[in-house]
Protein backbone atom coordinates (compact mmCIF):
# COMPACT_ATOMS: atom_id res chain seq x y z
CA MET A 1 6.08 81.51 25.53
CA ALA A 2 8.64 78.81 24.85
CA LYS A 3 9.76 78.38 21.18
CA ASN A 4 8.16 75.07 20.88
CA SER A 5 4.79 75.97 22.50
CA CYS A 6 1.59 75.37 20.78
CA GLN A 7 -0.42 78.57 19.98
CA THR A 8 -3.63 77.09 20.69
CA CYS A 9 -3.42 75.08 23.97
CA ASN A 10 0.07 76.22 25.29
CA ARG A 11 1.33 72.74 25.35
CA GLU A 12 5.19 72.70 25.21
CA PHE A 13 7.35 70.23 23.06
CA ALA A 14 10.94 69.36 23.18
CA ARG A 15 11.15 69.40 19.23
CA THR A 16 9.62 71.36 16.68
CA THR A 17 8.68 68.14 14.73
CA HIS A 18 6.78 67.10 17.74
CA LEU A 19 4.96 70.39 17.89
CA GLN A 20 4.04 70.12 14.13
CA GLU A 21 2.59 66.53 14.66
CA HIS A 22 0.59 67.86 17.77
CA VAL A 23 -0.96 70.81 15.80
CA THR A 24 -1.87 68.48 12.80
CA ARG A 25 -3.36 65.90 14.78
CA MET A 26 -5.22 67.90 17.48
CA HIS A 27 -5.99 71.30 15.98
CA THR A 28 -6.16 70.97 12.16
CA PRO A 29 -9.81 70.45 10.87
CA ARG A 30 -10.42 67.14 9.29
CA GLU A 31 -12.96 64.28 9.54
CA ARG A 32 -12.51 62.11 12.59
CA GLN A 33 -12.67 58.45 11.62
CA ARG A 34 -11.78 56.59 14.85
CA PRO A 35 -14.72 56.49 17.30
CA CYS A 36 -14.44 55.46 20.91
CA PRO A 37 -15.43 51.77 21.10
CA PHE A 38 -17.55 52.43 24.36
CA ALA A 39 -21.31 52.41 23.67
CA GLY A 40 -22.79 55.99 24.49
CA CYS A 41 -19.40 57.85 24.55
CA GLY A 42 -19.74 59.27 21.13
CA LYS A 43 -16.15 60.78 21.09
CA SER A 44 -14.07 60.26 17.87
CA PHE A 45 -10.33 61.02 17.13
CA HIS A 46 -7.91 61.28 14.34
CA GLU A 47 -5.33 58.94 15.38
CA LYS A 48 -5.48 55.43 16.95
CA VAL A 49 -3.06 56.63 19.71
CA ASP A 50 -5.51 59.25 20.74
CA VAL A 51 -8.33 56.76 20.98
CA ALA A 52 -6.11 54.65 23.13
CA ARG A 53 -5.24 57.59 25.31
CA HIS A 54 -8.83 58.62 25.84
CA VAL A 55 -9.95 55.01 26.67
CA LYS A 56 -7.15 54.69 29.17
CA SER A 57 -8.10 57.94 30.95
CA MET A 58 -11.72 58.01 30.71
CA HIS A 59 -12.95 54.21 30.58
CA ASN A 60 -10.26 52.44 32.29
CA THR A 61 -12.68 50.91 34.98
CA CYS A 62 -15.30 50.13 32.39
CA PRO A 63 -15.42 46.64 30.97
CA ARG A 64 -14.67 46.72 27.27
CA PRO A 65 -17.65 45.72 25.05
CA PRO A 66 -17.21 42.84 22.64
CA VAL A 67 -16.90 43.58 19.01
CA PRO A 68 -18.92 41.08 16.83
CA CYS A 69 -18.16 40.61 13.15
CA THR A 70 -20.49 42.57 11.07
CA PHE A 71 -20.34 40.01 8.05
CA THR A 72 -23.87 38.39 7.77
CA GLY A 73 -23.63 34.81 9.04
CA CYS A 74 -20.60 35.20 10.92
CA ALA A 75 -20.83 34.85 14.63
CA LYS A 76 -17.23 35.60 15.55
CA ILE A 77 -16.67 38.12 18.48
CA PHE A 78 -13.50 39.95 19.25
CA LYS A 79 -12.21 41.92 22.21
CA HIS A 80 -10.79 44.75 19.99
CA GLU A 81 -12.16 46.69 17.19
CA SER A 82 -8.78 46.39 15.25
CA THR A 83 -8.85 42.60 15.49
CA ALA A 84 -12.39 42.53 14.17
CA PHE A 85 -11.31 44.78 11.38
CA HIS A 86 -8.42 42.59 10.40
CA HIS A 87 -10.57 39.60 10.48
CA PHE A 88 -13.32 41.15 8.35
CA GLN A 89 -10.53 42.24 5.69
CA LYS A 90 -8.99 38.85 5.67
CA GLU A 91 -12.08 36.61 5.67
CA HIS A 92 -14.90 38.55 4.04
CA VAL A 93 -13.79 41.43 2.02
CA SER A 94 -11.08 39.93 -0.21
CA ASN A 95 -13.60 37.03 -1.18
CA PRO A 96 -16.92 37.12 0.54
CA VAL A 97 -18.04 33.96 -1.46
CA ARG A 98 -17.43 30.64 0.13
CA PHE A 99 -17.11 27.76 -2.25
CA GLY A 100 -18.46 24.68 -0.60
CA CYS A 101 -17.60 21.07 -1.44
CA THR A 102 -20.92 19.36 -2.26
CA LEU A 103 -19.44 15.88 -1.28
CA CYS A 104 -18.30 16.67 2.37
CA GLY A 105 -19.33 20.18 3.07
CA LYS A 106 -15.97 21.62 3.62
CA GLU A 107 -15.53 25.20 2.46
CA PHE A 108 -12.91 27.18 0.69
CA ARG A 109 -12.35 30.84 0.03
CA GLU A 110 -11.10 30.31 -3.63
CA LYS A 111 -12.43 28.24 -6.27
CA PRO A 112 -9.07 26.80 -7.29
CA ASN A 113 -8.71 25.31 -3.86
CA LEU A 114 -12.04 23.63 -3.95
CA GLU A 115 -11.12 22.27 -7.48
CA ASN A 116 -7.96 20.70 -5.90
CA HIS A 117 -10.05 19.30 -2.97
CA ILE A 118 -12.56 17.74 -5.36
CA ALA A 119 -9.64 15.52 -6.70
CA ILE A 120 -9.61 13.80 -3.37
CA HIS A 121 -13.06 12.49 -3.92
CA THR A 122 -12.94 11.94 -7.67
CA GLY A 123 -9.51 10.53 -8.09
CA GLU A 124 -8.69 13.08 -10.58
CA LYS A 125 -4.97 13.75 -11.27
CA ASN A 126 -4.42 17.35 -12.55
CA TYR A 127 -0.52 17.62 -12.02
CA LYS A 128 1.48 15.72 -14.66
CA CYS A 129 5.22 15.54 -14.96
CA SER A 130 6.51 16.97 -18.28
CA ILE A 131 9.57 14.54 -18.04
CA CYS A 132 8.18 11.19 -17.18
CA SER A 133 4.32 11.74 -17.63
CA ARG A 134 3.46 10.64 -14.04
CA SER A 135 0.41 12.28 -12.59
CA TYR A 136 -0.58 13.45 -9.10
CA ARG A 137 -3.64 14.71 -7.35
CA HIS A 138 -1.93 17.06 -5.01
CA GLN A 139 0.66 19.83 -5.85
CA SER A 140 2.78 19.04 -2.92
CA ASN A 141 3.25 15.49 -4.11
CA PHE A 142 4.00 16.64 -7.59
CA ARG A 143 6.58 19.13 -6.50
CA ALA A 144 8.20 16.34 -4.47
CA HIS A 145 8.09 14.28 -7.59
CA GLN A 146 9.87 16.92 -9.67
CA LYS A 147 12.69 16.87 -7.14
CA THR A 148 13.58 13.35 -8.15
CA HIS A 149 14.71 14.71 -11.61
CA LEU A 150 17.19 17.11 -9.96
CA ASP A 151 20.79 16.49 -9.74
CA LYS A 152 21.46 14.61 -6.54
CA SER A 153 23.69 17.51 -5.25
CA ALA A 154 20.64 19.94 -5.59
CA ARG A 155 18.26 17.79 -3.59
CA LYS A 156 17.41 18.22 -0.01
CA ILE A 157 17.29 14.67 1.47
CA PHE A 158 15.02 13.57 4.34
CA LYS A 159 16.41 10.27 6.09
CA CYS A 160 14.39 7.82 7.85
CA ALA A 161 15.69 7.49 11.53
CA LEU A 162 14.54 3.83 11.75
CA CYS A 163 15.79 2.39 8.35
CA SER A 164 18.19 3.29 5.61
CA ARG A 165 15.51 4.80 3.32
CA ASN A 166 15.89 8.46 1.90
CA PHE A 167 13.13 10.65 0.57
CA VAL A 168 12.92 13.97 -1.29
CA ALA A 169 10.07 15.35 0.62
CA LYS A 170 9.07 15.71 4.29
CA SER A 171 5.68 14.57 3.68
CA THR A 172 6.78 11.47 1.96
CA LEU A 173 8.97 10.56 4.90
CA ALA A 174 5.96 11.17 7.27
CA ARG A 175 3.87 8.96 5.13
CA HIS A 176 6.65 6.20 5.13
CA MET A 177 6.83 6.52 8.95
CA LYS A 178 3.23 5.85 9.41
CA ASP A 179 2.75 3.28 6.92
CA ILE A 180 6.08 1.35 7.57
CA HIS A 181 6.92 1.87 11.25
CA GLY A 182 3.67 2.83 12.66
CA ASN A 183 2.47 -0.76 12.71
CA PRO A 184 -1.00 -0.05 11.18
CA VAL A 185 -3.60 -2.58 12.32
CA ASN A 186 -6.53 -4.11 10.46
CA TYR A 187 -9.35 -5.23 12.42
CA GLU A 188 -11.16 -8.30 10.95
CA CYS A 189 -14.76 -8.94 11.78
CA PRO A 190 -14.97 -12.69 13.35
CA SER A 191 -18.48 -13.15 11.95
CA CYS A 192 -17.95 -12.00 8.22
CA PRO A 193 -15.26 -11.13 5.75
CA LYS A 194 -15.47 -7.45 6.60
CA ILE A 195 -12.27 -5.60 7.53
CA LEU A 196 -12.26 -2.37 9.68
CA THR A 197 -9.40 -0.02 10.21
CA THR A 198 -10.22 1.21 13.72
CA PRO A 199 -11.54 -0.53 16.89
CA ALA A 200 -14.68 1.80 16.98
CA GLY A 201 -15.30 0.99 13.22
CA LEU A 202 -15.24 -2.83 14.15
CA LYS A 203 -17.42 -2.17 17.21
CA SER A 204 -19.96 -0.18 15.33
CA HIS A 205 -19.96 -2.90 12.59
CA MET A 206 -20.59 -5.51 15.31
CA VAL A 207 -23.40 -3.74 16.84
CA SER A 208 -25.12 -3.11 13.54
CA ASN A 209 -24.75 -6.57 12.05
CA HIS A 210 -23.66 -9.26 14.51
CA ARG A 211 -25.20 -8.68 18.00
CA THR A 212 -25.50 -11.82 20.13
CA ASP A 213 -27.76 -10.46 22.86
CA ASP A 214 -31.48 -10.61 22.91
CA VAL A 215 -31.91 -7.32 21.16
CA PRO A 216 -34.33 -8.18 18.25
CA ARG A 217 -33.27 -7.27 14.58
CA LEU A 218 -35.25 -4.37 12.97
CA SER A 219 -36.69 -5.27 9.66
CA CYS A 220 -37.69 -3.26 6.57
CA ASP A 221 -41.25 -3.24 5.96
CA LYS A 222 -40.77 -2.87 2.20
CA CYS A 223 -38.13 -5.62 1.68
CA GLN A 224 -36.03 -8.33 3.44
CA HIS A 225 -33.22 -6.09 4.76
CA THR A 226 -32.57 -6.42 8.42
CA THR A 227 -30.29 -4.68 10.94
CA PHE A 228 -29.73 -4.17 14.68
CA SER A 229 -29.34 -0.26 14.06
CA ARG A 230 -32.23 2.06 13.78
CA SER A 231 -30.31 4.54 11.91
CA ASN A 232 -28.98 1.98 9.54
CA LEU A 233 -32.58 1.02 8.94
CA GLN A 234 -33.49 4.59 8.31
CA GLN A 235 -30.65 5.20 5.94
CA HIS A 236 -31.55 2.01 4.03
CA VAL A 237 -35.35 3.05 3.56
CA LYS A 238 -34.19 6.81 2.57
CA ARG A 239 -31.73 5.43 0.04
CA VAL A 240 -33.54 2.37 -1.45
CA HIS A 241 -37.23 3.19 -1.11
CA ASP A 242 -37.81 6.86 -0.65
CA GLY A 243 -35.45 7.99 -3.38
CA VAL A 244 -33.36 10.48 -1.45
CA LYS A 245 -30.35 11.23 -3.32
CA LYS A 246 -28.01 13.61 -1.57
CA LYS A 247 -24.74 12.95 -3.24
CA GLU A 248 -24.53 15.73 -6.16
CA CYS A 249 -21.96 15.67 -8.86
CA TYR A 250 -19.86 18.69 -8.77
CA PHE A 251 -19.47 18.63 -12.47
CA CYS A 252 -23.01 18.03 -13.97
CA GLY A 253 -25.27 18.20 -10.86
CA THR A 254 -26.47 14.58 -11.18
CA LYS A 255 -27.47 13.14 -7.68
CA PHE A 256 -26.81 9.69 -6.34
CA PHE A 257 -27.69 7.62 -3.17
CA THR A 258 -24.24 6.95 -2.25
CA PHE A 259 -20.78 8.32 -2.53
CA THR A 260 -19.40 5.23 -4.24
CA GLU A 261 -22.14 5.68 -6.84
CA LEU A 262 -21.08 9.35 -7.36
CA VAL A 263 -17.39 8.42 -7.77
CA ASN A 264 -18.20 5.56 -10.41
CA HIS A 265 -20.31 8.17 -12.19
CA CYS A 266 -17.32 10.67 -12.24
CA ARG A 267 -14.97 8.17 -13.43
CA LYS A 268 -17.34 6.83 -16.40
CA ILE A 269 -18.99 10.09 -17.64
CA HIS A 270 -16.27 12.82 -16.74
CA THR A 271 -13.33 10.40 -17.79
CA LEU A 272 -11.69 10.77 -14.35
CA LYS A 273 -8.90 8.43 -13.67
CA THR A 274 -7.37 7.21 -10.36
């Protein structure tokens, strides 16, 4: 028998280290924790490479079964068990609790991220410069501002390609390009002072409030409010007459009919500033 032959199965190896790895992996008693992913097979292995070799030789013509995420409420499905495992570890194990914004429904894995997001709705500015006392809602804008206090030689400058202005943050340059060179258009209603920011918004406003065809206006049976839109009428009834308050304050739980009322409440009661 060759020097590097396995005493158990007679398999030969070029190196002693390869033989030792083989004996440890194949013939050393230990718990097998890597099952074959195919339903009904029942085989399990010590190493991932052995699972792959088994699948290739025994199930190569069989369709691979999908691997669903086992977290309650998650409907994601993956082709490979390893991908499903990494998804579970990243999305559900480290922080299984989702923090949802009560104003828009957006979810966050960490509470600090939700609190930063809330500032978009309330106008709160948590990031204050210790040098000039300017405050910012977002950390990215705050960091960009801090660069303005650095020596000019230490700054990274972002230049506008269309004019001579320079910026210390890429995001600020992008906003400048959109606001100054993007030719933003306001769409003014021809029938009232209302100004909309998109053609779709103007069209929706015209349909709801200024239709000129023979479609009759819908009237509220509890007040003098009228509209061309059935959904607008339903919203009016819920907000004004049915007392349905869906906008809940993140800080104290008080509910309001409209988002505007909620923001005004936060500014007044919770001393939030814009």
